[in-house]
């Protein structure tokens, strides 16, 4: 049976998950950074980036997210069905995620992609708050659209920065 403390922890963790989705879509990188412990084990190995898991600073992670998403015209990260396992001041949270990314593209070029999968999050309680200490992005379904839009978004961001 769940205790009131467990329920409060579950609510707080689902709030972190929602804030993570919103911070990306709002391009609020300061809010994004505040959701993470100082060091984060980031695993994008099943994502199209194919990067092996690595420990990164939260500041570097926020910069990576900014460089990845700021070139898109719009994104939409939707999470659902959180499955949370608490162990004292540590937690694991698995949520389904659908992430839509759009960038303006020339006619005949696919300007969007949708990734379906899940986020596997490790969290720890610190200073009365739950912070993400591990984030694995797991793509579990085929892409819709084209993952090449990430390169288009990167080109767009570089062009914007050059014109500043």
N, C-alpha and C. Protein backbone atom coordinates (compact mmCIF):
# COMPACT_ATOMS: atom_id res chain seq x y z
N UNK A 1 0.84 -1.18 0.00
CA UNK A 1 0.00 0.00 0.00
C UNK A 1 0.88 1.24 0.00
N UNK A 2 0.52 2.22 -0.77
CA UNK A 2 1.29 3.46 -0.88
C UNK A 2 1.03 4.35 0.33
N UNK A 3 2.09 5.00 0.77
CA UNK A 3 1.98 5.96 1.86
C UNK A 3 1.72 7.34 1.27
N UNK A 4 1.26 8.27 2.10
CA UNK A 4 1.10 9.65 1.59
C UNK A 4 2.42 10.22 1.04
N UNK A 5 3.54 9.84 1.66
CA UNK A 5 4.85 10.30 1.18
C UNK A 5 5.14 9.74 -0.21
N UNK A 6 4.81 8.44 -0.42
CA UNK A 6 5.02 7.83 -1.74
C UNK A 6 4.19 8.55 -2.80
N UNK A 7 2.94 8.85 -2.45
CA UNK A 7 2.07 9.55 -3.40
C UNK A 7 2.61 10.94 -3.72
N UNK A 8 3.12 11.63 -2.71
CA UNK A 8 3.71 12.96 -2.93
C UNK A 8 4.94 12.85 -3.83
N UNK A 9 5.75 11.81 -3.61
CA UNK A 9 6.93 11.60 -4.46
C UNK A 9 6.52 11.29 -5.90
N UNK A 10 5.51 10.45 -6.07
CA UNK A 10 5.02 10.13 -7.41
C UNK A 10 4.55 11.40 -8.12
N UNK A 11 3.81 12.23 -7.42
CA UNK A 11 3.31 13.47 -7.99
C UNK A 11 4.47 14.40 -8.36
N UNK A 12 5.45 14.51 -7.49
CA UNK A 12 6.61 15.37 -7.76
C UNK A 12 7.39 14.86 -8.97
N UNK A 13 7.56 13.57 -9.09
CA UNK A 13 8.32 12.99 -10.21
C UNK A 13 7.56 13.19 -11.52
N UNK A 14 6.25 12.99 -11.51
CA UNK A 14 5.49 13.24 -12.74
C UNK A 14 5.56 14.72 -13.12
N UNK A 15 5.67 15.58 -12.13
CA UNK A 15 5.86 17.01 -12.41
C UNK A 15 7.20 17.28 -13.08
N UNK A 16 8.24 16.57 -12.67
CA UNK A 16 9.56 16.72 -13.30
C UNK A 16 9.47 16.27 -14.76
N UNK A 17 8.80 15.15 -15.01
CA UNK A 17 8.66 14.64 -16.38
C UNK A 17 7.91 15.66 -17.25
N UNK A 18 6.82 16.19 -16.74
CA UNK A 18 6.06 17.19 -17.50
C UNK A 18 6.90 18.43 -17.74
N UNK A 19 7.63 18.88 -16.74
CA UNK A 19 8.46 20.06 -16.88
C UNK A 19 9.57 19.84 -17.91
N UNK A 20 10.09 18.61 -17.99
CA UNK A 20 11.12 18.29 -18.98
C UNK A 20 10.56 18.42 -20.40
N UNK A 21 9.37 17.92 -20.62
CA UNK A 21 8.74 18.04 -21.95
C UNK A 21 8.47 19.51 -22.27
N UNK A 22 7.89 20.24 -21.33
CA UNK A 22 7.55 21.64 -21.58
C UNK A 22 8.79 22.52 -21.78
N UNK A 23 9.83 22.29 -20.99
CA UNK A 23 11.04 23.11 -21.12
C UNK A 23 11.64 22.97 -22.51
N UNK A 24 11.61 21.77 -23.07
CA UNK A 24 12.13 21.58 -24.43
C UNK A 24 11.27 22.32 -25.45
N UNK A 25 9.96 22.17 -25.34
CA UNK A 25 9.07 22.81 -26.31
C UNK A 25 9.04 24.33 -26.17
N UNK A 26 9.25 24.82 -24.96
CA UNK A 26 9.27 26.26 -24.70
C UNK A 26 10.66 26.87 -24.95
N UNK A 27 11.64 26.03 -25.19
CA UNK A 27 13.04 26.46 -25.35
C UNK A 27 13.50 27.24 -24.11
N UNK A 28 13.08 26.75 -22.97
CA UNK A 28 13.44 27.39 -21.70
C UNK A 28 14.60 26.59 -21.10
N UNK A 29 15.80 26.93 -21.55
CA UNK A 29 16.97 26.12 -21.18
C UNK A 29 17.39 26.32 -19.73
N UNK A 30 17.05 27.42 -19.13
CA UNK A 30 17.33 27.59 -17.70
C UNK A 30 16.43 26.65 -16.89
N UNK A 31 15.14 26.59 -17.24
CA UNK A 31 14.22 25.67 -16.56
C UNK A 31 14.64 24.23 -16.82
N UNK A 32 15.05 23.93 -18.03
CA UNK A 32 15.53 22.59 -18.39
C UNK A 32 16.71 22.21 -17.48
N UNK A 33 17.68 23.10 -17.36
CA UNK A 33 18.88 22.83 -16.56
C UNK A 33 18.52 22.54 -15.10
N UNK A 34 17.55 23.25 -14.56
CA UNK A 34 17.17 23.10 -13.15
C UNK A 34 16.57 21.73 -12.84
N UNK A 35 16.18 20.97 -13.86
CA UNK A 35 15.57 19.65 -13.64
C UNK A 35 16.60 18.56 -13.41
N UNK A 36 17.88 18.88 -13.63
CA UNK A 36 18.92 17.86 -13.63
C UNK A 36 19.90 18.01 -12.47
N UNK A 37 20.42 16.86 -12.03
CA UNK A 37 21.55 16.84 -11.11
C UNK A 37 22.75 17.43 -11.85
N UNK A 38 23.81 17.77 -11.14
CA UNK A 38 24.96 18.40 -11.77
C UNK A 38 25.59 17.51 -12.84
N UNK A 39 25.56 16.19 -12.63
CA UNK A 39 26.04 15.24 -13.63
C UNK A 39 24.93 14.28 -13.99
N UNK A 40 24.84 13.95 -15.27
CA UNK A 40 23.75 13.12 -15.79
C UNK A 40 24.32 12.04 -16.69
N UNK A 41 23.86 10.81 -16.50
CA UNK A 41 24.20 9.74 -17.43
C UNK A 41 23.21 9.83 -18.57
N UNK A 42 23.68 10.24 -19.75
CA UNK A 42 22.83 10.44 -20.93
C UNK A 42 23.03 9.26 -21.88
N UNK A 43 21.92 8.64 -22.27
CA UNK A 43 21.98 7.48 -23.16
C UNK A 43 21.10 7.75 -24.38
N UNK A 44 21.73 8.02 -25.50
CA UNK A 44 21.03 8.23 -26.77
C UNK A 44 21.38 7.11 -27.75
N UNK A 45 21.79 5.96 -27.23
CA UNK A 45 22.30 4.89 -28.09
C UNK A 45 21.25 4.29 -29.01
N UNK A 46 19.97 4.33 -28.64
CA UNK A 46 18.94 3.79 -29.53
C UNK A 46 18.23 4.89 -30.30
N UNK A 47 18.61 6.12 -30.06
CA UNK A 47 18.08 7.26 -30.80
C UNK A 47 18.87 7.35 -32.10
N UNK A 48 18.46 8.17 -33.02
CA UNK A 48 19.17 8.24 -34.30
C UNK A 48 20.60 8.75 -34.17
N UNK A 49 20.92 9.42 -33.06
CA UNK A 49 22.29 9.91 -32.88
C UNK A 49 23.26 8.75 -32.69
N UNK A 50 22.80 7.64 -32.10
CA UNK A 50 23.63 6.47 -31.91
C UNK A 50 24.82 6.68 -31.00
N UNK A 51 24.75 7.66 -30.11
CA UNK A 51 25.85 7.93 -29.20
C UNK A 51 25.85 6.93 -28.05
N UNK A 52 27.01 6.43 -27.66
CA UNK A 52 27.03 5.55 -26.49
C UNK A 52 26.72 6.35 -25.23
N UNK A 53 26.23 5.69 -24.18
CA UNK A 53 25.96 6.40 -22.93
C UNK A 53 27.21 7.12 -22.43
N UNK A 54 27.01 8.32 -21.89
CA UNK A 54 28.13 9.11 -21.37
C UNK A 54 27.63 9.99 -20.25
N UNK A 55 28.49 10.26 -19.31
CA UNK A 55 28.17 11.19 -18.23
C UNK A 55 28.50 12.60 -18.72
N UNK A 56 27.52 13.50 -18.60
CA UNK A 56 27.68 14.89 -19.02
C UNK A 56 27.25 15.80 -17.89
N UNK A 57 27.71 17.03 -17.92
CA UNK A 57 27.22 17.98 -16.93
C UNK A 57 25.84 18.44 -17.35
N UNK A 58 25.06 18.89 -16.40
CA UNK A 58 23.72 19.39 -16.72
C UNK A 58 23.81 20.62 -17.61
N UNK A 59 24.82 21.43 -17.42
CA UNK A 59 25.01 22.61 -18.27
C UNK A 59 25.29 22.19 -19.71
N UNK A 60 26.16 21.19 -19.89
CA UNK A 60 26.45 20.70 -21.24
C UNK A 60 25.21 20.05 -21.86
N UNK A 61 24.42 19.36 -21.05
CA UNK A 61 23.19 18.75 -21.55
C UNK A 61 22.21 19.83 -22.03
N UNK A 62 22.07 20.90 -21.27
CA UNK A 62 21.18 21.99 -21.68
C UNK A 62 21.68 22.62 -22.98
N UNK A 63 23.00 22.75 -23.12
CA UNK A 63 23.56 23.30 -24.36
C UNK A 63 23.31 22.35 -25.53
N UNK A 64 23.47 21.04 -25.32
CA UNK A 64 23.19 20.05 -26.36
C UNK A 64 21.72 20.12 -26.78
N UNK A 65 20.83 20.19 -25.80
CA UNK A 65 19.40 20.28 -26.12
C UNK A 65 19.09 21.54 -26.91
N UNK A 66 19.69 22.64 -26.51
CA UNK A 66 19.49 23.91 -27.21
C UNK A 66 19.98 23.80 -28.65
N UNK A 67 21.18 23.28 -28.85
CA UNK A 67 21.73 23.17 -30.20
C UNK A 67 20.94 22.18 -31.05
N UNK A 68 20.31 21.21 -30.42
CA UNK A 68 19.52 20.22 -31.15
C UNK A 68 18.14 20.77 -31.52
N UNK A 69 17.51 21.52 -30.62
CA UNK A 69 16.11 21.89 -30.82
C UNK A 69 15.87 23.32 -31.27
N UNK A 70 16.79 24.23 -31.03
CA UNK A 70 16.54 25.64 -31.35
C UNK A 70 16.36 25.90 -32.84
N UNK A 71 16.84 25.04 -33.70
CA UNK A 71 16.68 25.23 -35.13
C UNK A 71 15.34 24.79 -35.67
N UNK A 72 14.55 24.11 -34.84
CA UNK A 72 13.23 23.67 -35.28
C UNK A 72 12.24 24.82 -35.18
N UNK A 73 11.28 24.82 -36.10
CA UNK A 73 10.20 25.79 -36.05
C UNK A 73 9.28 25.47 -34.87
N UNK A 74 9.06 24.17 -34.64
CA UNK A 74 8.24 23.75 -33.51
C UNK A 74 8.60 22.32 -33.12
N UNK A 75 8.37 22.03 -31.85
CA UNK A 75 8.49 20.67 -31.33
C UNK A 75 7.31 20.44 -30.39
N UNK A 76 7.02 19.18 -30.18
CA UNK A 76 5.96 18.82 -29.24
C UNK A 76 6.34 17.48 -28.62
N UNK A 77 6.64 17.52 -27.32
CA UNK A 77 6.99 16.32 -26.57
C UNK A 77 5.82 15.97 -25.66
N UNK A 78 5.23 14.82 -25.88
CA UNK A 78 4.09 14.38 -25.06
C UNK A 78 4.48 13.10 -24.34
N UNK A 79 4.29 13.09 -23.03
CA UNK A 79 4.61 11.91 -22.23
C UNK A 79 3.34 11.35 -21.62
N UNK A 80 3.38 10.05 -21.35
CA UNK A 80 2.21 9.42 -20.74
C UNK A 80 2.63 8.14 -20.02
N UNK A 81 1.72 7.64 -19.24
CA UNK A 81 1.84 6.35 -18.54
C UNK A 81 3.11 6.23 -17.71
N UNK A 82 3.34 7.16 -16.78
CA UNK A 82 4.55 7.04 -15.96
C UNK A 82 4.50 5.81 -15.06
N UNK A 83 5.59 5.08 -15.08
CA UNK A 83 5.77 3.92 -14.21
C UNK A 83 6.94 4.25 -13.30
N UNK A 84 6.67 4.42 -12.02
CA UNK A 84 7.67 4.93 -11.08
C UNK A 84 7.96 3.88 -10.02
N UNK A 85 9.26 3.68 -9.77
CA UNK A 85 9.69 2.79 -8.69
C UNK A 85 10.57 3.59 -7.75
N UNK A 86 10.14 3.69 -6.50
CA UNK A 86 10.86 4.45 -5.47
C UNK A 86 11.72 3.52 -4.62
N UNK A 87 12.92 3.99 -4.31
CA UNK A 87 13.81 3.30 -3.38
C UNK A 87 14.48 4.39 -2.54
N UNK A 88 13.84 4.76 -1.44
CA UNK A 88 14.39 5.83 -0.60
C UNK A 88 14.46 7.14 -1.35
N UNK A 89 15.68 7.69 -1.45
CA UNK A 89 15.89 8.96 -2.13
C UNK A 89 16.26 8.78 -3.60
N UNK A 90 15.99 7.62 -4.13
CA UNK A 90 16.24 7.34 -5.55
C UNK A 90 14.95 6.85 -6.19
N UNK A 91 14.83 7.09 -7.47
CA UNK A 91 13.64 6.64 -8.18
C UNK A 91 14.01 6.33 -9.63
N UNK A 92 13.24 5.43 -10.20
CA UNK A 92 13.30 5.16 -11.63
C UNK A 92 11.92 5.48 -12.19
N UNK A 93 11.89 6.12 -13.33
CA UNK A 93 10.63 6.48 -13.96
C UNK A 93 10.72 6.16 -15.45
N UNK A 94 9.79 5.39 -15.91
CA UNK A 94 9.70 5.06 -17.34
C UNK A 94 8.41 5.67 -17.86
N UNK A 95 8.51 6.47 -18.93
CA UNK A 95 7.32 7.08 -19.51
C UNK A 95 7.35 6.89 -21.02
N UNK A 96 6.16 6.72 -21.58
CA UNK A 96 6.04 6.73 -23.03
C UNK A 96 6.22 8.16 -23.50
N UNK A 97 6.81 8.33 -24.68
CA UNK A 97 6.99 9.67 -25.24
C UNK A 97 6.74 9.63 -26.75
N UNK A 98 6.07 10.67 -27.20
CA UNK A 98 5.92 10.94 -28.62
C UNK A 98 6.51 12.33 -28.82
N UNK A 99 7.51 12.42 -29.68
CA UNK A 99 8.20 13.69 -29.90
C UNK A 99 8.11 14.06 -31.37
N UNK A 100 7.43 15.18 -31.63
CA UNK A 100 7.25 15.69 -32.99
C UNK A 100 8.21 16.87 -33.18
N UNK A 101 8.88 16.91 -34.34
CA UNK A 101 9.83 17.97 -34.65
C UNK A 101 9.54 18.47 -36.07
N UNK A 102 9.44 19.80 -36.23
CA UNK A 102 9.13 20.38 -37.54
C UNK A 102 10.10 21.50 -37.86
N UNK A 103 10.54 21.52 -39.10
CA UNK A 103 11.38 22.60 -39.60
C UNK A 103 10.90 22.94 -41.01
N UNK A 104 10.87 24.24 -41.35
CA UNK A 104 10.49 24.59 -42.72
C UNK A 104 11.45 23.92 -43.70
N UNK A 105 10.90 23.40 -44.79
CA UNK A 105 11.73 22.69 -45.76
C UNK A 105 11.29 23.06 -47.17
N UNK A 106 12.21 22.88 -48.10
CA UNK A 106 11.90 23.11 -49.51
C UNK A 106 10.83 22.13 -49.97
N UNK A 107 10.08 22.50 -51.02
CA UNK A 107 9.07 21.56 -51.56
C UNK A 107 9.74 20.22 -51.92
N UNK A 108 9.05 19.17 -51.59
CA UNK A 108 9.57 17.83 -51.86
C UNK A 108 10.49 17.28 -50.78
N UNK A 109 10.84 18.11 -49.81
CA UNK A 109 11.70 17.66 -48.71
C UNK A 109 10.82 17.49 -47.48
N UNK A 110 10.94 16.34 -46.84
CA UNK A 110 10.15 16.08 -45.63
C UNK A 110 10.68 16.98 -44.52
N UNK A 111 9.80 17.78 -43.94
CA UNK A 111 10.21 18.76 -42.93
C UNK A 111 9.80 18.41 -41.51
N UNK A 112 9.53 17.14 -41.26
CA UNK A 112 9.14 16.76 -39.90
C UNK A 112 9.60 15.33 -39.62
N UNK A 113 9.64 15.02 -38.36
CA UNK A 113 9.79 13.63 -37.94
C UNK A 113 9.09 13.47 -36.59
N UNK A 114 8.60 12.28 -36.38
CA UNK A 114 7.99 11.94 -35.11
C UNK A 114 8.68 10.70 -34.58
N UNK A 115 9.14 10.80 -33.35
CA UNK A 115 9.78 9.68 -32.67
C UNK A 115 8.82 9.17 -31.61
N UNK A 116 8.62 7.86 -31.59
CA UNK A 116 7.82 7.23 -30.53
C UNK A 116 8.73 6.28 -29.77
N UNK A 117 8.62 6.37 -28.49
CA UNK A 117 9.45 5.50 -27.66
C UNK A 117 9.19 5.77 -26.20
N UNK A 118 10.28 5.86 -25.45
CA UNK A 118 10.13 6.12 -24.02
C UNK A 118 11.37 6.83 -23.50
N UNK A 119 11.18 7.46 -22.36
CA UNK A 119 12.29 7.99 -21.58
C UNK A 119 12.43 7.10 -20.35
N UNK A 120 13.62 6.62 -20.11
CA UNK A 120 13.95 5.93 -18.87
C UNK A 120 14.76 6.91 -18.03
N UNK A 121 14.16 7.37 -16.95
CA UNK A 121 14.79 8.38 -16.11
C UNK A 121 15.21 7.79 -14.77
N UNK A 122 16.38 8.19 -14.34
CA UNK A 122 16.81 7.93 -12.97
C UNK A 122 16.78 9.27 -12.27
N UNK A 123 16.22 9.28 -11.07
CA UNK A 123 16.12 10.52 -10.32
C UNK A 123 16.65 10.31 -8.92
N UNK A 124 17.06 11.39 -8.31
CA UNK A 124 17.45 11.34 -6.90
C UNK A 124 16.93 12.59 -6.21
N UNK A 125 16.59 12.39 -4.94
CA UNK A 125 16.09 13.51 -4.15
C UNK A 125 17.31 14.27 -3.61
N UNK A 126 17.30 15.58 -3.81
CA UNK A 126 18.39 16.42 -3.33
C UNK A 126 17.80 17.76 -2.90
N UNK A 127 18.05 18.14 -1.68
CA UNK A 127 17.53 19.41 -1.19
C UNK A 127 16.01 19.49 -1.25
N UNK A 128 15.35 18.35 -1.06
CA UNK A 128 13.89 18.32 -1.07
C UNK A 128 13.27 18.29 -2.46
N UNK A 129 14.11 18.20 -3.50
CA UNK A 129 13.62 18.16 -4.88
C UNK A 129 14.08 16.88 -5.57
N UNK A 130 13.30 16.44 -6.52
CA UNK A 130 13.71 15.32 -7.36
C UNK A 130 14.43 15.88 -8.58
N UNK A 131 15.64 15.37 -8.84
CA UNK A 131 16.45 15.80 -9.97
C UNK A 131 16.78 14.59 -10.84
N UNK A 132 16.81 14.79 -12.14
CA UNK A 132 17.15 13.72 -13.07
C UNK A 132 18.66 13.52 -13.05
N UNK A 133 19.08 12.28 -12.79
CA UNK A 133 20.50 11.94 -12.79
C UNK A 133 20.85 10.98 -13.92
N UNK A 134 19.84 10.45 -14.59
CA UNK A 134 20.05 9.59 -15.74
C UNK A 134 18.88 9.74 -16.70
N UNK A 135 19.20 9.84 -18.01
CA UNK A 135 18.15 10.02 -19.01
C UNK A 135 18.50 9.20 -20.23
N UNK A 136 17.71 8.17 -20.47
CA UNK A 136 17.86 7.36 -21.67
C UNK A 136 16.66 7.61 -22.58
N UNK A 137 16.93 7.95 -23.83
CA UNK A 137 15.89 8.14 -24.83
C UNK A 137 15.87 6.86 -25.67
N UNK A 138 14.77 6.14 -25.59
CA UNK A 138 14.65 4.84 -26.27
C UNK A 138 13.63 4.95 -27.39
N UNK A 139 14.09 4.88 -28.63
CA UNK A 139 13.17 4.83 -29.76
C UNK A 139 12.73 3.39 -29.91
N UNK A 140 11.41 3.15 -29.85
CA UNK A 140 10.89 1.79 -29.89
C UNK A 140 10.04 1.50 -31.12
N UNK A 141 9.79 2.52 -31.93
CA UNK A 141 8.97 2.37 -33.14
C UNK A 141 9.69 3.02 -34.30
N UNK A 142 9.30 2.68 -35.53
CA UNK A 142 9.91 3.34 -36.69
C UNK A 142 9.61 4.83 -36.69
N UNK A 143 10.51 5.60 -37.31
CA UNK A 143 10.30 7.03 -37.49
C UNK A 143 9.10 7.27 -38.38
N UNK A 144 8.41 8.35 -38.16
CA UNK A 144 7.48 8.89 -39.14
C UNK A 144 8.12 10.18 -39.63
N UNK A 145 8.05 10.41 -40.92
CA UNK A 145 8.75 11.56 -41.47
C UNK A 145 10.21 11.19 -41.70
N UNK A 146 11.09 12.13 -41.47
CA UNK A 146 12.51 11.90 -41.74
C UNK A 146 13.38 12.42 -40.61
N UNK A 147 14.23 11.55 -40.04
CA UNK A 147 15.16 12.04 -39.02
C UNK A 147 16.20 13.01 -39.59
N UNK A 148 16.26 13.14 -40.92
CA UNK A 148 17.16 14.12 -41.53
C UNK A 148 16.78 15.56 -41.17
N UNK A 149 15.59 15.77 -40.61
CA UNK A 149 15.20 17.13 -40.22
C UNK A 149 16.11 17.67 -39.11
N UNK A 150 16.76 16.78 -38.37
CA UNK A 150 17.70 17.27 -37.35
C UNK A 150 18.85 18.02 -38.01
N UNK A 151 19.33 17.51 -39.14
CA UNK A 151 20.39 18.21 -39.88
C UNK A 151 19.86 19.52 -40.46
N UNK A 152 18.64 19.49 -41.00
CA UNK A 152 18.04 20.73 -41.51
C UNK A 152 17.91 21.77 -40.40
N UNK A 153 17.49 21.33 -39.23
CA UNK A 153 17.36 22.25 -38.09
C UNK A 153 18.72 22.79 -37.68
N UNK A 154 19.74 21.94 -37.71
CA UNK A 154 21.10 22.39 -37.38
C UNK A 154 21.59 23.43 -38.37
N UNK A 155 21.34 23.21 -39.67
CA UNK A 155 21.72 24.19 -40.69
C UNK A 155 20.98 25.51 -40.47
N UNK A 156 19.72 25.41 -40.16
CA UNK A 156 18.90 26.61 -39.93
C UNK A 156 19.44 27.40 -38.73
N UNK A 157 19.78 26.70 -37.65
CA UNK A 157 20.30 27.37 -36.46
C UNK A 157 21.63 28.04 -36.77
N UNK A 158 22.51 27.37 -37.50
CA UNK A 158 23.80 27.97 -37.86
C UNK A 158 23.59 29.23 -38.71
N UNK A 159 22.65 29.20 -39.63
CA UNK A 159 22.35 30.37 -40.46
C UNK A 159 21.83 31.52 -39.61
N UNK A 160 20.96 31.21 -38.66
CA UNK A 160 20.43 32.25 -37.76
C UNK A 160 21.55 32.88 -36.96
N UNK A 161 22.44 32.04 -36.43
CA UNK A 161 23.56 32.55 -35.61
C UNK A 161 24.53 33.39 -36.44
N UNK A 162 24.75 33.00 -37.70
CA UNK A 162 25.66 33.76 -38.57
C UNK A 162 25.09 35.14 -38.90
N UNK A 163 23.77 35.26 -38.94
CA UNK A 163 23.13 36.52 -39.29
C UNK A 163 22.91 37.45 -38.10
N UNK A 164 23.34 37.03 -36.93
CA UNK A 164 23.19 37.88 -35.73
C UNK A 164 24.24 38.94 -35.68
